[in-house]
């Protein structure tokens, strides 16, 4: 094998998404090998810098941007299709954590009691919403954003419909990856009044309810400065 090919292969393995999809042994996954990656490569740092500058350089009336840090852990994309039992939502281009705009919009809409307001901002049947959300990007930092985690299914036969649960069942631990770190949330609202409303809604919702999977267990909660 040529030195160039080995070097190129190692560079591709720095992409966490490729490592999970293409280079992970399904029978004996190297979870620590994925979790210890820092993922703050130069290309992503440059891309993130351009992204942040684009959204923050002009104080437009309807432009919303706010940074929030995960309190504990975040689980996004557990149900995504793949070769593993559980998924993880990563940037297709950079292999870094992100929170899809659809996930942010979904949890915010669920926290708006007035249906007319929810439809106006987020849309409804045959109607586009007036609030435009973007994916939330992870802020690059010099420590790994991915962490090993475990879901333990205590009654696997019961959940598959085979038999009733009992104390004789064998727990089935399932390893997955969760996320930590800080994210940049950005959106565009119709005007400053709606921007202020959305900002307060975003902060309150993500602090109290969280976003992503397993929020009932405390995942996906954020803290904002």
C-alpha atoms as a PDB file:
ATOM      1  CA  UNK A   1       0.000   0.000   0.000  1.00  0.00           C
ATOM      2  CA  UNK A   2       1.452   3.363  -1.004  1.00  0.00           C
ATOM      3  CA  UNK A   3       2.301   6.034   1.555  1.00  0.00           C
ATOM      4  CA  UNK A   4      -0.073   8.454  -0.206  1.00  0.00           C
ATOM      5  CA  UNK A   5      -2.996   6.032   0.075  1.00  0.00           C
ATOM      6  CA  UNK A   6      -2.366   5.428   3.779  1.00  0.00           C
ATOM      7  CA  UNK A   7      -2.188   9.183   4.437  1.00  0.00           C
ATOM      8  CA  UNK A   8      -5.375   9.818   2.489  1.00  0.00           C
ATOM      9  CA  UNK A   9      -7.171   6.991   4.295  1.00  0.00           C
ATOM     10  CA  UNK A  10      -6.221   8.407   7.690  1.00  0.00           C
ATOM     11  CA  UNK A  11      -7.480  11.847   6.682  1.00  0.00           C
ATOM     12  CA  UNK A  12     -10.833  10.381   5.717  1.00  0.00           C
ATOM     13  CA  UNK A  13     -11.019   8.582   9.032  1.00  0.00           C
ATOM     14  CA  UNK A  14     -10.897  11.974  10.753  1.00  0.00           C
ATOM     15  CA  UNK A  15     -14.424  12.455   9.384  1.00  0.00           C
ATOM     16  CA  UNK A  16     -16.556  10.996  12.172  1.00  0.00           C
ATOM     17  CA  UNK A  17     -19.456  10.270   9.826  1.00  0.00           C
ATOM     18  CA  UNK A  18     -17.270   8.258   7.454  1.00  0.00           C
ATOM     19  CA  UNK A  19     -15.688   6.440  10.371  1.00  0.00           C
ATOM     20  CA  UNK A  20     -19.086   5.428  11.714  1.00  0.00           C
ATOM     21  CA  UNK A  21     -20.503   4.400   8.324  1.00  0.00           C
ATOM     22  CA  UNK A  22     -17.471   2.907   6.573  1.00  0.00           C
ATOM     23  CA  UNK A  23     -14.654   2.048   8.959  1.00  0.00           C
ATOM     24  CA  UNK A  24     -16.387   0.802  12.104  1.00  0.00           C
ATOM     25  CA  UNK A  25     -16.385  -2.926  12.800  1.00  0.00           C
ATOM     26  CA  UNK A  26     -20.069  -3.760  13.321  1.00  0.00           C
ATOM     27  CA  UNK A  27     -19.320  -6.841  15.439  1.00  0.00           C
ATOM     28  CA  UNK A  28     -16.756  -5.077  17.628  1.00  0.00           C
ATOM     29  CA  UNK A  29     -17.172  -1.300  17.240  1.00  0.00           C
ATOM     30  CA  UNK A  30     -14.293   0.890  18.373  1.00  0.00           C
ATOM     31  CA  UNK A  31     -16.428   3.420  20.223  1.00  0.00           C
ATOM     32  CA  UNK A  32     -13.487   4.963  22.137  1.00  0.00           C
ATOM     33  CA  UNK A  33     -11.684   5.476  18.833  1.00  0.00           C
ATOM     34  CA  UNK A  34     -14.579   7.574  17.550  1.00  0.00           C
ATOM     35  CA  UNK A  35     -15.289   9.401  20.806  1.00  0.00           C
ATOM     36  CA  UNK A  36     -11.722  10.612  21.354  1.00  0.00           C
ATOM     37  CA  UNK A  37     -11.610  12.522  18.030  1.00  0.00           C
ATOM     38  CA  UNK A  38     -11.495  16.290  18.553  1.00  0.00           C
ATOM     39  CA  UNK A  39     -13.159  17.066  15.164  1.00  0.00           C
ATOM     40  CA  UNK A  40     -11.844  20.649  15.188  1.00  0.00           C
ATOM     41  CA  UNK A  41      -9.928  20.304  11.922  1.00  0.00           C
ATOM     42  CA  UNK A  42      -8.758  23.433  10.109  1.00  0.00           C
ATOM     43  CA  UNK A  43     -11.342  23.082   7.341  1.00  0.00           C
ATOM     44  CA  UNK A  44     -14.198  23.058   9.832  1.00  0.00           C
ATOM     45  CA  UNK A  45     -12.781  25.939  11.868  1.00  0.00           C
ATOM     46  CA  UNK A  46     -12.613  28.051   8.704  1.00  0.00           C
ATOM     47  CA  UNK A  47     -16.129  27.027   7.648  1.00  0.00           C
ATOM     48  CA  UNK A  48     -17.551  27.770  11.074  1.00  0.00           C
ATOM     49  CA  UNK A  49     -15.839  31.166  11.180  1.00  0.00           C
ATOM     50  CA  UNK A  50     -17.401  32.118   7.828  1.00  0.00           C
ATOM     51  CA  UNK A  51     -20.800  30.858   9.003  1.00  0.00           C
ATOM     52  CA  UNK A  52     -20.717  32.847  12.232  1.00  0.00           C
ATOM     53  CA  UNK A  53     -19.473  36.014  10.515  1.00  0.00           C
ATOM     54  CA  UNK A  54     -22.257  35.749   7.946  1.00  0.00           C
ATOM     55  CA  UNK A  55     -24.956  35.712  10.619  1.00  0.00           C
ATOM     56  CA  UNK A  56     -23.461  38.124  13.142  1.00  0.00           C
ATOM     57  CA  UNK A  57     -21.757  40.845  11.089  1.00  0.00           C
ATOM     58  CA  UNK A  58     -25.005  42.736  10.418  1.00  0.00           C
ATOM     59  CA  UNK A  59     -27.530  43.565  13.145  1.00  0.00           C
ATOM     60  CA  UNK A  60     -30.599  43.194  10.960  1.00  0.00           C
ATOM     61  CA  UNK A  61     -33.989  43.679  12.622  1.00  0.00           C
ATOM     62  CA  UNK A  62     -35.194  40.123  12.113  1.00  0.00           C
ATOM     63  CA  UNK A  63     -31.901  38.253  12.394  1.00  0.00           C
ATOM     64  CA  UNK A  64     -31.567  36.069  15.476  1.00  0.00           C
ATOM     65  CA  UNK A  65     -28.402  34.402  16.684  1.00  0.00           C
ATOM     66  CA  UNK A  66     -27.594  32.990  20.092  1.00  0.00           C
ATOM     67  CA  UNK A  67     -25.037  30.542  21.497  1.00  0.00           C
ATOM     68  CA  UNK A  68     -26.005  27.855  23.965  1.00  0.00           C
ATOM     69  CA  UNK A  69     -24.015  25.155  25.745  1.00  0.00           C
ATOM     70  CA  UNK A  70     -25.277  21.620  26.358  1.00  0.00           C
ATOM     71  CA  UNK A  71     -25.931  20.947  30.040  1.00  0.00           C
ATOM     72  CA  UNK A  72     -24.840  17.347  30.213  1.00  0.00           C
ATOM     73  CA  UNK A  73     -25.394  15.538  26.924  1.00  0.00           C
ATOM     74  CA  UNK A  74     -27.330  15.817  23.691  1.00  0.00           C
ATOM     75  CA  UNK A  75     -28.732  12.930  21.633  1.00  0.00           C
ATOM     76  CA  UNK A  76     -29.767  13.785  18.066  1.00  0.00           C
ATOM     77  CA  UNK A  77     -30.511  11.283  15.317  1.00  0.00           C
ATOM     78  CA  UNK A  78     -30.726   8.101  17.395  1.00  0.00           C
ATOM     79  CA  UNK A  79     -33.390   6.755  15.052  1.00  0.00           C
ATOM     80  CA  UNK A  80     -31.474   7.507  11.855  1.00  0.00           C
ATOM     81  CA  UNK A  81     -30.988   4.599   9.460  1.00  0.00           C
ATOM     82  CA  UNK A  82     -27.572   2.996   9.392  1.00  0.00           C
ATOM     83  CA  UNK A  83     -25.564  -0.153   9.982  1.00  0.00           C
ATOM     84  CA  UNK A  84     -25.599   0.355  13.757  1.00  0.00           C
ATOM     85  CA  UNK A  85     -28.524  -0.054  16.159  1.00  0.00           C
ATOM     86  CA  UNK A  86     -28.586   3.658  16.960  1.00  0.00           C
ATOM     87  CA  UNK A  87     -27.728   6.654  14.812  1.00  0.00           C
ATOM     88  CA  UNK A  88     -26.079  10.024  15.255  1.00  0.00           C
ATOM     89  CA  UNK A  89     -26.762  13.210  13.300  1.00  0.00           C
ATOM     90  CA  UNK A  90     -23.523  14.716  11.970  1.00  0.00           C
ATOM     91  CA  UNK A  91     -22.696  17.239   9.278  1.00  0.00           C
ATOM     92  CA  UNK A  92     -22.473  15.397   5.959  1.00  0.00           C
ATOM     93  CA  UNK A  93     -19.594  17.639   4.841  1.00  0.00           C
ATOM     94  CA  UNK A  94     -17.453  17.910   7.969  1.00  0.00           C
ATOM     95  CA  UNK A  95     -18.551  15.022  10.203  1.00  0.00           C
ATOM     96  CA  UNK A  96     -19.161  17.403  13.097  1.00  0.00           C
ATOM     97  CA  UNK A  97     -22.226  17.537  15.403  1.00  0.00           C
ATOM     98  CA  UNK A  98     -25.169  19.657  14.356  1.00  0.00           C
ATOM     99  CA  UNK A  99     -28.800  20.089  15.377  1.00  0.00           C
ATOM    100  CA  UNK A 100     -31.135  20.049  12.367  1.00  0.00           C
ATOM    101  CA  UNK A 101     -33.320  23.100  11.854  1.00  0.00           C
ATOM    102  CA  UNK A 102     -36.342  20.783  11.699  1.00  0.00           C
ATOM    103  CA  UNK A 103     -35.605  19.548  15.242  1.00  0.00           C
ATOM    104  CA  UNK A 104     -35.338  23.101  16.575  1.00  0.00           C
ATOM    105  CA  UNK A 105     -38.538  24.194  14.832  1.00  0.00           C
ATOM    106  CA  UNK A 106     -40.401  21.115  16.031  1.00  0.00           C
ATOM    107  CA  UNK A 107     -39.620  21.586  19.709  1.00  0.00           C
ATOM    108  CA  UNK A 108     -40.335  25.333  19.540  1.00  0.00           C
ATOM    109  CA  UNK A 109     -43.650  24.849  17.786  1.00  0.00           C
ATOM    110  CA  UNK A 110     -44.710  22.329  20.434  1.00  0.00           C
ATOM    111  CA  UNK A 111     -44.074  24.993  23.079  1.00  0.00           C
ATOM    112  CA  UNK A 112     -46.344  27.634  21.476  1.00  0.00           C
ATOM    113  CA  UNK A 113     -49.852  27.407  22.926  1.00  0.00           C
ATOM    114  CA  UNK A 114     -51.557  29.700  20.408  1.00  0.00           C
ATOM    115  CA  UNK A 115     -52.105  27.818  17.126  1.00  0.00           C
ATOM    116  CA  UNK A 116     -52.400  31.027  15.077  1.00  0.00           C
ATOM    117  CA  UNK A 117     -48.986  32.167  16.298  1.00  0.00           C
ATOM    118  CA  UNK A 118     -47.477  28.720  15.692  1.00  0.00           C
ATOM    119  CA  UNK A 119     -48.867  28.582  12.143  1.00  0.00           C
ATOM    120  CA  UNK A 120     -47.656  32.093  11.382  1.00  0.00           C
ATOM    121  CA  UNK A 121     -44.102  31.389  12.519  1.00  0.00           C
ATOM    122  CA  UNK A 122     -43.641  27.733  11.606  1.00  0.00           C
ATOM    123  CA  UNK A 123     -46.235  27.102   8.908  1.00  0.00           C
ATOM    124  CA  UNK A 124     -49.108  24.667   8.595  1.00  0.00           C
ATOM    125  CA  UNK A 125     -51.140  22.884   5.957  1.00  0.00           C
ATOM    126  CA  UNK A 126     -50.486  24.636   2.671  1.00  0.00           C
ATOM    127  CA  UNK A 127     -48.815  27.542   4.453  1.00  0.00           C
ATOM    128  CA  UNK A 128     -45.149  28.486   4.804  1.00  0.00           C
ATOM    129  CA  UNK A 129     -43.891  29.860   8.093  1.00  0.00           C
ATOM    130  CA  UNK A 130     -42.450  33.358   8.377  1.00  0.00           C
ATOM    131  CA  UNK A 131     -39.564  32.231  10.621  1.00  0.00           C
ATOM    132  CA  UNK A 132     -36.617  30.704   8.777  1.00  0.00           C
ATOM    133  CA  UNK A 133     -34.351  28.490  10.904  1.00  0.00           C
ATOM    134  CA  UNK A 134     -30.912  27.118  10.038  1.00  0.00           C
ATOM    135  CA  UNK A 135     -29.109  24.061  11.368  1.00  0.00           C
ATOM    136  CA  UNK A 136     -27.326  24.778  14.654  1.00  0.00           C
ATOM    137  CA  UNK A 137     -23.555  24.445  14.201  1.00  0.00           C
ATOM    138  CA  UNK A 138     -21.183  23.137  16.860  1.00  0.00           C
ATOM    139  CA  UNK A 139     -18.536  25.616  18.016  1.00  0.00           C
ATOM    140  CA  UNK A 140     -15.105  24.046  17.356  1.00  0.00           C
ATOM    141  CA  UNK A 141     -13.059  23.561  20.500  1.00  0.00           C
ATOM    142  CA  UNK A 142      -9.965  21.639  21.478  1.00  0.00           C
ATOM    143  CA  UNK A 143     -11.717  18.676  23.084  1.00  0.00           C
ATOM    144  CA  UNK A 144     -13.808  15.832  21.674  1.00  0.00           C
ATOM    145  CA  UNK A 145     -17.525  16.651  21.325  1.00  0.00           C
ATOM    146  CA  UNK A 146     -18.639  13.001  21.183  1.00  0.00           C
ATOM    147  CA  UNK A 147     -19.105  10.840  24.271  1.00  0.00           C
ATOM    148  CA  UNK A 148     -19.835   7.162  24.790  1.00  0.00           C
ATOM    149  CA  UNK A 149     -23.224   6.463  26.318  1.00  0.00           C
ATOM    150  CA  UNK A 150     -25.422   3.441  27.000  1.00  0.00           C
ATOM    151  CA  UNK A 151     -29.102   2.569  26.752  1.00  0.00           C
ATOM    152  CA  UNK A 152     -29.982  -0.562  28.742  1.00  0.00           C
ATOM    153  CA  UNK A 153     -33.060  -2.463  27.618  1.00  0.00           C
ATOM    154  CA  UNK A 154     -34.134  -4.505  30.632  1.00  0.00           C
ATOM    155  CA  UNK A 155     -36.960  -6.479  28.971  1.00  0.00           C
ATOM    156  CA  UNK A 156     -36.020  -7.029  25.293  1.00  0.00           C
ATOM    157  CA  UNK A 157     -38.501  -9.877  24.729  1.00  0.00           C
ATOM    158  CA  UNK A 158     -41.346  -7.756  26.086  1.00  0.00           C
ATOM    159  CA  UNK A 159     -40.577  -4.840  23.761  1.00  0.00           C
ATOM    160  CA  UNK A 160     -40.440  -7.178  20.766  1.00  0.00           C
ATOM    161  CA  UNK A 161     -43.823  -8.678  21.692  1.00  0.00           C
ATOM    162  CA  UNK A 162     -42.534 -12.165  22.505  1.00  0.00           C
ATOM    163  CA  UNK A 163     -43.494 -12.479  26.181  1.00  0.00           C
ATOM    164  CA  UNK A 164     -44.384 -10.586  29.343  1.00  0.00           C
ATOM    165  CA  UNK A 165     -41.615  -8.881  31.346  1.00  0.00           C
ATOM    166  CA  UNK A 166     -40.137 -10.712  34.325  1.00  0.00           C
ATOM    167  CA  UNK A 167     -37.260 -10.483  36.786  1.00  0.00           C
ATOM    168  CA  UNK A 168     -35.499 -13.270  34.894  1.00  0.00           C
ATOM    169  CA  UNK A 169     -34.945 -11.167  31.766  1.00  0.00           C
ATOM    170  CA  UNK A 170     -31.374 -10.339  30.802  1.00  0.00           C
ATOM    171  CA  UNK A 171     -30.643  -6.602  30.367  1.00  0.00           C
ATOM    172  CA  UNK A 172     -29.320  -5.694  26.931  1.00  0.00           C
ATOM    173  CA  UNK A 173     -26.976  -2.662  27.041  1.00  0.00           C
ATOM    174  CA  UNK A 174     -26.734  -0.739  23.756  1.00  0.00           C
ATOM    175  CA  UNK A 175     -23.834   1.675  23.256  1.00  0.00           C
ATOM    176  CA  UNK A 176     -24.404   4.943  21.408  1.00  0.00           C
ATOM    177  CA  UNK A 177     -22.703   8.307  21.022  1.00  0.00           C
ATOM    178  CA  UNK A 178     -24.015  11.512  22.577  1.00  0.00           C
ATOM    179  CA  UNK A 179     -22.775  15.075  22.159  1.00  0.00           C
ATOM    180  CA  UNK A 180     -21.484  17.866  24.365  1.00  0.00           C
ATOM    181  CA  UNK A 181     -20.319  21.398  23.614  1.00  0.00           C
ATOM    182  CA  UNK A 182     -21.730  24.733  22.487  1.00  0.00           C
ATOM    183  CA  UNK A 183     -23.921  25.438  19.448  1.00  0.00           C
ATOM    184  CA  UNK A 184     -24.794  28.523  17.431  1.00  0.00           C
ATOM    185  CA  UNK A 185     -28.547  28.855  16.789  1.00  0.00           C
ATOM    186  CA  UNK A 186     -29.566  31.211  13.976  1.00  0.00           C
ATOM    187  CA  UNK A 187     -32.888  32.202  12.435  1.00  0.00           C
ATOM    188  CA  UNK A 188     -34.612  35.003  10.573  1.00  0.00           C
ATOM    189  CA  UNK A 189     -37.893  36.468  11.796  1.00  0.00           C
ATOM    190  CA  UNK A 190     -40.269  38.922  10.049  1.00  0.00           C
ATOM    191  CA  UNK A 191     -39.164  41.870  12.231  1.00  0.00           C
ATOM    192  CA  UNK A 192     -37.488  42.800  15.501  1.00  0.00           C
ATOM    193  CA  UNK A 193     -40.585  42.141  17.625  1.00  0.00           C
ATOM    194  CA  UNK A 194     -40.913  38.591  16.307  1.00  0.00           C
ATOM    195  CA  UNK A 195     -37.147  38.101  16.639  1.00  0.00           C
ATOM    196  CA  UNK A 196     -37.328  39.005  20.335  1.00  0.00           C
ATOM    197  CA  UNK A 197     -40.269  36.637  20.764  1.00  0.00           C
ATOM    198  CA  UNK A 198     -38.420  33.780  19.054  1.00  0.00           C
ATOM    199  CA  UNK A 199     -35.246  34.374  21.043  1.00  0.00           C
ATOM    200  CA  UNK A 200     -37.109  34.189  24.343  1.00  0.00           C
ATOM    201  CA  UNK A 201     -39.023  31.118  23.139  1.00  0.00           C
ATOM    202  CA  UNK A 202     -35.814  29.395  22.032  1.00  0.00           C
ATOM    203  CA  UNK A 203     -33.977  30.048  25.287  1.00  0.00           C
ATOM    204  CA  UNK A 204     -36.872  29.047  27.545  1.00  0.00           C
ATOM    205  CA  UNK A 205     -37.691  25.918  25.535  1.00  0.00           C
ATOM    206  CA  UNK A 206     -34.147  24.568  25.281  1.00  0.00           C
ATOM    207  CA  UNK A 207     -33.411  25.346  28.924  1.00  0.00           C
ATOM    208  CA  UNK A 208     -36.546  23.644  30.261  1.00  0.00           C
ATOM    209  CA  UNK A 209     -37.540  21.040  27.649  1.00  0.00           C
ATOM    210  CA  UNK A 210     -34.438  20.416  25.607  1.00  0.00           C
ATOM    211  CA  UNK A 211     -34.127  19.204  22.027  1.00  0.00           C
ATOM    212  CA  UNK A 212     -33.406  15.844  20.444  1.00  0.00           C
ATOM    213  CA  UNK A 213     -34.002  12.391  21.928  1.00  0.00           C
ATOM    214  CA  UNK A 214     -34.242  11.305  25.580  1.00  0.00           C
ATOM    215  CA  UNK A 215     -35.229  14.774  26.825  1.00  0.00           C
ATOM    216  CA  UNK A 216     -37.378  13.130  29.519  1.00  0.00           C
ATOM    217  CA  UNK A 217     -34.138  11.689  30.913  1.00  0.00           C
ATOM    218  CA  UNK A 218     -32.477  15.110  30.950  1.00  0.00           C
ATOM    219  CA  UNK A 219     -30.727  15.028  27.595  1.00  0.00           C
ATOM    220  CA  UNK A 220     -30.692  18.002  25.254  1.00  0.00           C
ATOM    221  CA  UNK A 221     -31.020  20.758  27.873  1.00  0.00           C
ATOM    222  CA  UNK A 222     -29.075  23.953  27.224  1.00  0.00           C
ATOM    223  CA  UNK A 223     -27.691  26.875  29.188  1.00  0.00           C
ATOM    224  CA  UNK A 224     -27.475  30.347  27.643  1.00  0.00           C
ATOM    225  CA  UNK A 225     -25.226  33.164  28.811  1.00  0.00           C
END
